[in-house]
Amino acid sequence: MYHYQPLKDFLAARGDRSVCLSYHEIEHIIGRPLPRSAKGELGRQWWANTQSHSQARAWLSLGRKTKLNLPERLVTFSRPVSATSLPEIILVDRSELHPVALRLLETIVAETGMGVESAAAALLNSAAAARSRG
């Protein structure tokens, strides 16, 4: 993996969930041309998220996976969104709410006696449930 240590270091320093790089940018980062097997149709295997490939361990060890755009010669290194990526407490300014959302929230508070925070959570949970049903 030592050829790809600079790529690993670059990705480790990036806090972004996704980092999209061109082949040229990757070559610049690693200080050498990518092998021919990384390009063209064979590239799908080379960029595969497989521990048996030394280059893949550079991104897999950081919890990232690749998505290849062959026509554009781009690779996106992404980390899954974890449940802990949001802060424990989420504050929303009332002025940021759509008027209908604000009225819905006020109605839930008035009808149920819930606090605003609990009513907002109930509203979001209801929207999520409706979305998951299709």
N, C-alpha and C. Protein backbone atom coordinates (compact mmCIF):
# COMPACT_ATOMS: atom_id res chain seq x y z
N MET A 1 0.83 -1.21 0.00
CA MET A 1 0.00 0.00 0.00
C MET A 1 0.86 1.25 0.00
N TYR A 2 2.16 1.13 0.17
CA TYR A 2 2.97 2.33 0.35
C TYR A 2 2.85 3.30 -0.82
N HIS A 3 2.58 2.82 -2.03
CA HIS A 3 2.39 3.74 -3.17
C HIS A 3 1.16 4.62 -2.95
N TYR A 4 0.19 4.11 -2.20
CA TYR A 4 -1.09 4.79 -2.03
C TYR A 4 -1.23 5.45 -0.66
N GLN A 5 -0.14 5.44 0.12
CA GLN A 5 -0.16 6.11 1.42
C GLN A 5 -0.48 7.60 1.28
N PRO A 6 0.08 8.30 0.27
CA PRO A 6 -0.28 9.72 0.11
C PRO A 6 -1.78 9.92 -0.15
N LEU A 7 -2.40 8.99 -0.87
CA LEU A 7 -3.85 9.08 -1.10
C LEU A 7 -4.59 8.87 0.21
N LYS A 8 -4.15 7.89 0.97
CA LYS A 8 -4.77 7.64 2.28
C LYS A 8 -4.63 8.88 3.16
N ASP A 9 -3.45 9.48 3.20
CA ASP A 9 -3.22 10.67 4.02
C ASP A 9 -4.11 11.82 3.56
N PHE A 10 -4.23 11.99 2.24
CA PHE A 10 -5.07 13.06 1.69
C PHE A 10 -6.53 12.86 2.11
N LEU A 11 -7.03 11.63 1.95
CA LEU A 11 -8.43 11.35 2.30
C LEU A 11 -8.66 11.47 3.80
N ALA A 12 -7.67 11.06 4.59
CA ALA A 12 -7.80 11.14 6.05
C ALA A 12 -7.90 12.59 6.51
N ALA A 13 -7.24 13.48 5.79
CA ALA A 13 -7.25 14.90 6.18
C ALA A 13 -8.53 15.61 5.77
N ARG A 14 -9.31 14.98 4.90
CA ARG A 14 -10.56 15.58 4.42
C ARG A 14 -11.70 15.15 5.31
N GLY A 15 -12.42 16.10 5.86
CA GLY A 15 -13.56 15.79 6.70
C GLY A 15 -14.84 15.56 5.92
N ASP A 16 -14.80 15.87 4.62
CA ASP A 16 -15.99 15.73 3.78
C ASP A 16 -16.45 14.28 3.74
N ARG A 17 -17.76 14.09 3.70
CA ARG A 17 -18.29 12.74 3.58
C ARG A 17 -17.90 12.13 2.24
N SER A 18 -17.90 12.94 1.19
CA SER A 18 -17.51 12.47 -0.14
C SER A 18 -16.41 13.35 -0.70
N VAL A 19 -15.45 12.70 -1.33
CA VAL A 19 -14.35 13.41 -2.00
C VAL A 19 -14.28 12.86 -3.42
N CYS A 20 -14.47 13.73 -4.40
CA CYS A 20 -14.43 13.32 -5.80
C CYS A 20 -13.13 13.82 -6.42
N LEU A 21 -12.38 12.89 -7.01
CA LEU A 21 -11.09 13.23 -7.60
C LEU A 21 -11.00 12.66 -9.01
N SER A 22 -10.34 13.42 -9.88
CA SER A 22 -10.07 12.91 -11.23
C SER A 22 -8.84 12.00 -11.16
N TYR A 23 -8.67 11.18 -12.18
CA TYR A 23 -7.47 10.33 -12.23
C TYR A 23 -6.22 11.22 -12.13
N HIS A 24 -6.25 12.33 -12.84
CA HIS A 24 -5.10 13.24 -12.83
C HIS A 24 -4.81 13.75 -11.42
N GLU A 25 -5.84 14.13 -10.68
CA GLU A 25 -5.64 14.60 -9.30
C GLU A 25 -5.07 13.49 -8.42
N ILE A 26 -5.54 12.27 -8.61
CA ILE A 26 -5.02 11.15 -7.83
C ILE A 26 -3.56 10.92 -8.17
N GLU A 27 -3.23 10.98 -9.44
CA GLU A 27 -1.83 10.81 -9.86
C GLU A 27 -0.95 11.89 -9.24
N HIS A 28 -1.45 13.09 -9.18
CA HIS A 28 -0.70 14.18 -8.55
C HIS A 28 -0.49 13.89 -7.06
N ILE A 29 -1.52 13.41 -6.39
CA ILE A 29 -1.45 13.12 -4.96
C ILE A 29 -0.45 12.00 -4.68
N ILE A 30 -0.49 10.92 -5.48
CA ILE A 30 0.40 9.79 -5.22
C ILE A 30 1.79 9.96 -5.84
N GLY A 31 1.93 10.99 -6.69
CA GLY A 31 3.24 11.29 -7.26
C GLY A 31 3.69 10.33 -8.34
N ARG A 32 2.76 9.66 -8.98
CA ARG A 32 3.10 8.72 -10.05
C ARG A 32 1.85 8.45 -10.87
N PRO A 33 2.01 7.97 -12.10
CA PRO A 33 0.83 7.63 -12.90
C PRO A 33 0.10 6.42 -12.31
N LEU A 34 -1.20 6.41 -12.47
CA LEU A 34 -1.97 5.23 -12.11
C LEU A 34 -1.63 4.12 -13.10
N PRO A 35 -1.69 2.88 -12.66
CA PRO A 35 -1.41 1.79 -13.61
C PRO A 35 -2.51 1.71 -14.68
N ARG A 36 -2.17 1.11 -15.81
CA ARG A 36 -3.14 0.98 -16.90
C ARG A 36 -4.38 0.23 -16.45
N SER A 37 -4.20 -0.70 -15.52
CA SER A 37 -5.34 -1.49 -15.05
C SER A 37 -6.35 -0.65 -14.26
N ALA A 38 -5.98 0.57 -13.86
CA ALA A 38 -6.90 1.45 -13.13
C ALA A 38 -7.79 2.23 -14.08
N LYS A 39 -7.47 2.18 -15.36
CA LYS A 39 -8.19 2.99 -16.34
C LYS A 39 -8.96 2.11 -17.30
N GLY A 40 -9.92 2.67 -17.98
CA GLY A 40 -10.71 1.91 -18.93
C GLY A 40 -11.63 0.93 -18.25
N GLU A 41 -12.14 -0.02 -19.01
CA GLU A 41 -13.09 -1.00 -18.47
C GLU A 41 -12.49 -1.85 -17.36
N LEU A 42 -11.20 -2.10 -17.43
CA LEU A 42 -10.55 -2.87 -16.36
C LEU A 42 -10.54 -2.12 -15.04
N GLY A 43 -10.74 -0.83 -15.12
CA GLY A 43 -10.72 0.01 -13.93
C GLY A 43 -11.74 -0.38 -12.88
N ARG A 44 -12.84 -0.94 -13.30
CA ARG A 44 -13.87 -1.34 -12.33
C ARG A 44 -13.31 -2.32 -11.31
N GLN A 45 -12.51 -3.26 -11.76
CA GLN A 45 -11.90 -4.22 -10.84
C GLN A 45 -10.84 -3.54 -9.97
N TRP A 46 -10.03 -2.68 -10.58
CA TRP A 46 -8.94 -2.05 -9.86
C TRP A 46 -9.46 -1.17 -8.73
N TRP A 47 -10.57 -0.46 -8.98
CA TRP A 47 -11.15 0.45 -7.98
C TRP A 47 -12.15 -0.24 -7.06
N ALA A 48 -12.31 -1.55 -7.20
CA ALA A 48 -13.28 -2.29 -6.37
C ALA A 48 -12.92 -2.17 -4.89
N ASN A 49 -13.93 -2.20 -4.08
CA ASN A 49 -13.77 -2.07 -2.63
C ASN A 49 -13.48 -3.45 -2.03
N THR A 50 -12.28 -3.94 -2.31
CA THR A 50 -11.88 -5.28 -1.92
C THR A 50 -10.58 -5.23 -1.13
N GLN A 51 -10.59 -5.80 0.07
CA GLN A 51 -9.40 -5.78 0.94
C GLN A 51 -8.20 -6.46 0.30
N SER A 52 -8.43 -7.35 -0.65
CA SER A 52 -7.31 -8.06 -1.27
C SER A 52 -6.50 -7.16 -2.21
N HIS A 53 -7.03 -6.01 -2.55
CA HIS A 53 -6.29 -5.06 -3.39
C HIS A 53 -5.56 -4.06 -2.49
N SER A 54 -4.26 -3.98 -2.65
CA SER A 54 -3.49 -3.09 -1.76
C SER A 54 -3.93 -1.64 -1.87
N GLN A 55 -4.27 -1.19 -3.08
CA GLN A 55 -4.69 0.20 -3.24
C GLN A 55 -6.00 0.45 -2.53
N ALA A 56 -6.90 -0.54 -2.52
CA ALA A 56 -8.21 -0.36 -1.89
C ALA A 56 -8.08 -0.22 -0.38
N ARG A 57 -7.08 -0.83 0.20
CA ARG A 57 -6.89 -0.71 1.65
C ARG A 57 -6.63 0.74 2.05
N ALA A 58 -6.13 1.56 1.12
CA ALA A 58 -5.87 2.97 1.42
C ALA A 58 -7.17 3.69 1.77
N TRP A 59 -8.25 3.40 1.07
CA TRP A 59 -9.53 4.07 1.38
C TRP A 59 -10.41 3.23 2.30
N LEU A 60 -10.37 1.92 2.17
CA LEU A 60 -11.20 1.09 3.04
C LEU A 60 -10.80 1.22 4.50
N SER A 61 -9.51 1.42 4.76
CA SER A 61 -9.05 1.56 6.14
C SER A 61 -9.59 2.83 6.79
N LEU A 62 -10.07 3.77 5.98
CA LEU A 62 -10.66 5.01 6.48
C LEU A 62 -12.19 4.95 6.50
N GLY A 63 -12.73 3.79 6.17
CA GLY A 63 -14.19 3.65 6.14
C GLY A 63 -14.81 4.22 4.89
N ARG A 64 -14.01 4.44 3.86
CA ARG A 64 -14.52 4.99 2.61
C ARG A 64 -14.70 3.89 1.57
N LYS A 65 -15.61 4.12 0.65
CA LYS A 65 -15.80 3.23 -0.49
C LYS A 65 -15.77 4.07 -1.75
N THR A 66 -15.41 3.42 -2.84
CA THR A 66 -15.31 4.15 -4.11
C THR A 66 -16.54 3.96 -4.97
N LYS A 67 -16.79 4.98 -5.76
CA LYS A 67 -17.78 4.90 -6.83
C LYS A 67 -17.08 5.48 -8.05
N LEU A 68 -17.06 4.72 -9.11
CA LEU A 68 -16.30 5.07 -10.30
C LEU A 68 -17.19 5.65 -11.38
N ASN A 69 -16.74 6.75 -11.99
CA ASN A 69 -17.39 7.33 -13.15
C ASN A 69 -16.39 7.19 -14.30
N LEU A 70 -16.45 6.06 -15.02
CA LEU A 70 -15.48 5.78 -16.07
C LEU A 70 -15.45 6.82 -17.19
N PRO A 71 -16.61 7.23 -17.74
CA PRO A 71 -16.56 8.19 -18.84
C PRO A 71 -15.87 9.51 -18.46
N GLU A 72 -16.08 9.95 -17.23
CA GLU A 72 -15.50 11.22 -16.79
C GLU A 72 -14.14 11.05 -16.14
N ARG A 73 -13.73 9.78 -15.92
CA ARG A 73 -12.45 9.47 -15.28
C ARG A 73 -12.38 10.08 -13.88
N LEU A 74 -13.46 9.86 -13.12
CA LEU A 74 -13.59 10.38 -11.76
C LEU A 74 -13.82 9.24 -10.79
N VAL A 75 -13.29 9.41 -9.58
CA VAL A 75 -13.52 8.46 -8.50
C VAL A 75 -14.04 9.24 -7.30
N THR A 76 -15.14 8.78 -6.73
CA THR A 76 -15.68 9.39 -5.52
C THR A 76 -15.42 8.45 -4.36
N PHE A 77 -14.77 8.97 -3.33
CA PHE A 77 -14.48 8.23 -2.12
C PHE A 77 -15.48 8.71 -1.07
N SER A 78 -16.39 7.84 -0.64
CA SER A 78 -17.46 8.25 0.28
C SER A 78 -17.44 7.45 1.56
N ARG A 79 -17.85 8.13 2.62
CA ARG A 79 -18.09 7.48 3.92
C ARG A 79 -19.58 7.42 4.12
N PRO A 80 -20.08 6.33 4.68
CA PRO A 80 -21.52 6.31 4.97
C PRO A 80 -21.87 7.32 6.04
N VAL A 81 -23.09 7.82 5.99
CA VAL A 81 -23.55 8.75 7.01
C VAL A 81 -23.86 7.92 8.25
N SER A 82 -23.26 8.30 9.35
CA SER A 82 -23.53 7.56 10.58
C SER A 82 -24.66 8.23 11.35
N ALA A 83 -25.28 7.48 12.22
CA ALA A 83 -26.38 8.02 13.03
C ALA A 83 -25.88 9.11 13.96
N THR A 84 -24.60 9.16 14.20
CA THR A 84 -24.06 10.16 15.13
C THR A 84 -23.53 11.41 14.42
N SER A 85 -23.80 11.53 13.12
CA SER A 85 -23.27 12.69 12.40
C SER A 85 -24.01 13.98 12.74
N LEU A 86 -25.21 13.86 13.32
CA LEU A 86 -25.96 15.05 13.72
C LEU A 86 -25.68 15.35 15.18
N PRO A 87 -25.75 16.61 15.53
CA PRO A 87 -25.55 16.95 16.94
C PRO A 87 -26.69 16.40 17.80
N GLU A 88 -26.42 16.27 19.07
CA GLU A 88 -27.42 15.74 20.01
C GLU A 88 -28.67 16.62 20.04
N ILE A 89 -28.47 17.93 19.97
CA ILE A 89 -29.59 18.88 19.99
C ILE A 89 -29.56 19.67 18.69
N ILE A 90 -30.71 19.77 18.05
CA ILE A 90 -30.82 20.51 16.80
C ILE A 90 -31.70 21.73 17.06
N LEU A 91 -31.16 22.90 16.79
CA LEU A 91 -31.91 24.14 16.98
C LEU A 91 -32.34 24.67 15.62
N VAL A 92 -33.60 25.08 15.54
CA VAL A 92 -34.13 25.63 14.29
C VAL A 92 -34.77 26.97 14.61
N ASP A 93 -34.36 27.97 13.88
CA ASP A 93 -34.96 29.30 14.02
C ASP A 93 -36.36 29.27 13.41
N ARG A 94 -37.35 29.79 14.13
CA ARG A 94 -38.73 29.78 13.62
C ARG A 94 -38.83 30.44 12.26
N SER A 95 -38.01 31.42 11.99
CA SER A 95 -38.08 32.12 10.70
C SER A 95 -37.66 31.21 9.55
N GLU A 96 -37.02 30.08 9.85
CA GLU A 96 -36.60 29.15 8.80
C GLU A 96 -37.70 28.14 8.45
N LEU A 97 -38.77 28.11 9.23
CA LEU A 97 -39.86 27.16 8.98
C LEU A 97 -40.84 27.72 7.96
N HIS A 98 -41.31 26.84 7.09
CA HIS A 98 -42.36 27.19 6.14
C HIS A 98 -43.61 27.52 6.96
N PRO A 99 -44.42 28.49 6.54
CA PRO A 99 -45.63 28.84 7.31
C PRO A 99 -46.54 27.65 7.60
N VAL A 100 -46.67 26.72 6.67
CA VAL A 100 -47.51 25.54 6.91
C VAL A 100 -46.88 24.66 7.98
N ALA A 101 -45.56 24.49 7.94
CA ALA A 101 -44.87 23.70 8.96
C ALA A 101 -45.03 24.34 10.33
N LEU A 102 -44.96 25.65 10.38
CA LEU A 102 -45.12 26.37 11.65
C LEU A 102 -46.54 26.17 12.20
N ARG A 103 -47.54 26.25 11.32
CA ARG A 103 -48.93 26.03 11.77
C ARG A 103 -49.13 24.59 12.24
N LEU A 104 -48.55 23.63 11.53
CA LEU A 104 -48.65 22.23 11.95
C LEU A 104 -48.04 22.04 13.33
N LEU A 105 -46.89 22.63 13.54
CA LEU A 105 -46.21 22.52 14.83
C LEU A 105 -47.06 23.16 15.94
N GLU A 106 -47.60 24.33 15.68
CA GLU A 106 -48.45 25.00 16.67
C GLU A 106 -49.69 24.16 16.98
N THR A 107 -50.28 23.52 15.95
CA THR A 107 -51.46 22.69 16.15
C THR A 107 -51.15 21.48 17.01
N ILE A 108 -50.01 20.82 16.74
CA ILE A 108 -49.62 19.64 17.53
C ILE A 108 -49.41 20.04 18.99
N VAL A 109 -48.75 21.17 19.22
CA VAL A 109 -48.51 21.64 20.59
C VAL A 109 -49.85 21.90 21.29
N ALA A 110 -50.75 22.60 20.60
CA ALA A 110 -52.05 22.95 21.19
C ALA A 110 -52.91 21.72 21.45
N GLU A 111 -52.94 20.78 20.52
CA GLU A 111 -53.81 19.62 20.65
C GLU A 111 -53.29 18.55 21.60
N THR A 112 -51.98 18.44 21.73
CA THR A 112 -51.42 17.35 22.53
C THR A 112 -50.84 17.81 23.86
N GLY A 113 -50.55 19.10 23.97
CA GLY A 113 -49.90 19.60 25.17
C GLY A 113 -48.41 19.28 25.21
N MET A 114 -47.88 18.77 24.10
CA MET A 114 -46.44 18.48 24.03
C MET A 114 -45.65 19.77 24.05
N GLY A 115 -44.39 19.65 24.45
CA GLY A 115 -43.47 20.76 24.29
C GLY A 115 -43.14 20.92 22.82
N VAL A 116 -42.61 22.06 22.46
CA VAL A 116 -42.29 22.34 21.06
C VAL A 116 -41.29 21.32 20.52
N GLU A 117 -40.27 20.98 21.32
CA GLU A 117 -39.25 20.03 20.86
C GLU A 117 -39.87 18.66 20.57
N SER A 118 -40.72 18.19 21.49
CA SER A 118 -41.37 16.88 21.29
C SER A 118 -42.31 16.92 20.11
N ALA A 119 -43.01 18.02 19.93
CA ALA A 119 -43.93 18.16 18.80
C ALA A 119 -43.15 18.16 17.49
N ALA A 120 -42.02 18.84 17.46
CA ALA A 120 -41.19 18.87 16.25
C ALA A 120 -40.69 17.46 15.93
N ALA A 121 -40.26 16.72 16.96
CA ALA A 121 -39.80 15.35 16.75
C ALA A 121 -40.94 14.48 16.23
N ALA A 122 -42.13 14.65 16.79
CA ALA A 122 -43.29 13.87 16.35
C ALA A 122 -43.62 14.19 14.89
N LEU A 123 -43.53 15.46 14.52
CA LEU A 123 -43.81 15.86 13.15
C LEU A 123 -42.79 15.25 12.18
N LEU A 124 -41.52 15.30 12.55
CA LEU A 124 -40.48 14.70 11.70
C LEU A 124 -40.65 13.19 11.60
N ASN A 125 -40.94 12.55 12.72
CA ASN A 125 -41.14 11.10 12.72
C ASN A 125 -42.34 10.71 11.86
N SER A 126 -43.40 11.50 11.91
CA SER A 126 -44.58 11.25 11.09
C SER A 126 -44.23 11.38 9.61
N ALA A 127 -43.47 12.41 9.26
CA ALA A 127 -43.07 12.61 7.86
C ALA A 127 -42.17 11.46 7.39
N ALA A 128 -41.27 11.00 8.25
CA ALA A 128 -40.38 9.89 7.91
C ALA A 128 -41.18 8.61 7.70
N ALA A 129 -42.16 8.36 8.56
CA ALA A 129 -42.98 7.16 8.43
C ALA A 129 -43.78 7.20 7.13
N ALA A 130 -44.35 8.36 6.81
CA ALA A 130 -45.12 8.51 5.58
C ALA A 130 -44.21 8.30 4.36
N ARG A 131 -43.01 8.80 4.42
CA ARG A 131 -42.07 8.67 3.31
C ARG A 131 -41.66 7.21 3.12
N SER A 132 -41.44 6.49 4.22
CA SER A 132 -41.02 5.10 4.11
C SER A 132 -42.13 4.20 3.57
N ARG A 133 -43.37 4.61 3.75
CA ARG A 133 -44.49 3.85 3.21
C ARG A 133 -44.62 4.04 1.70
N GLY A 134 -43.98 5.09 1.21
CA GLY A 134 -43.98 5.28 -0.23
C GLY A 134 -44.83 6.37 -0.67
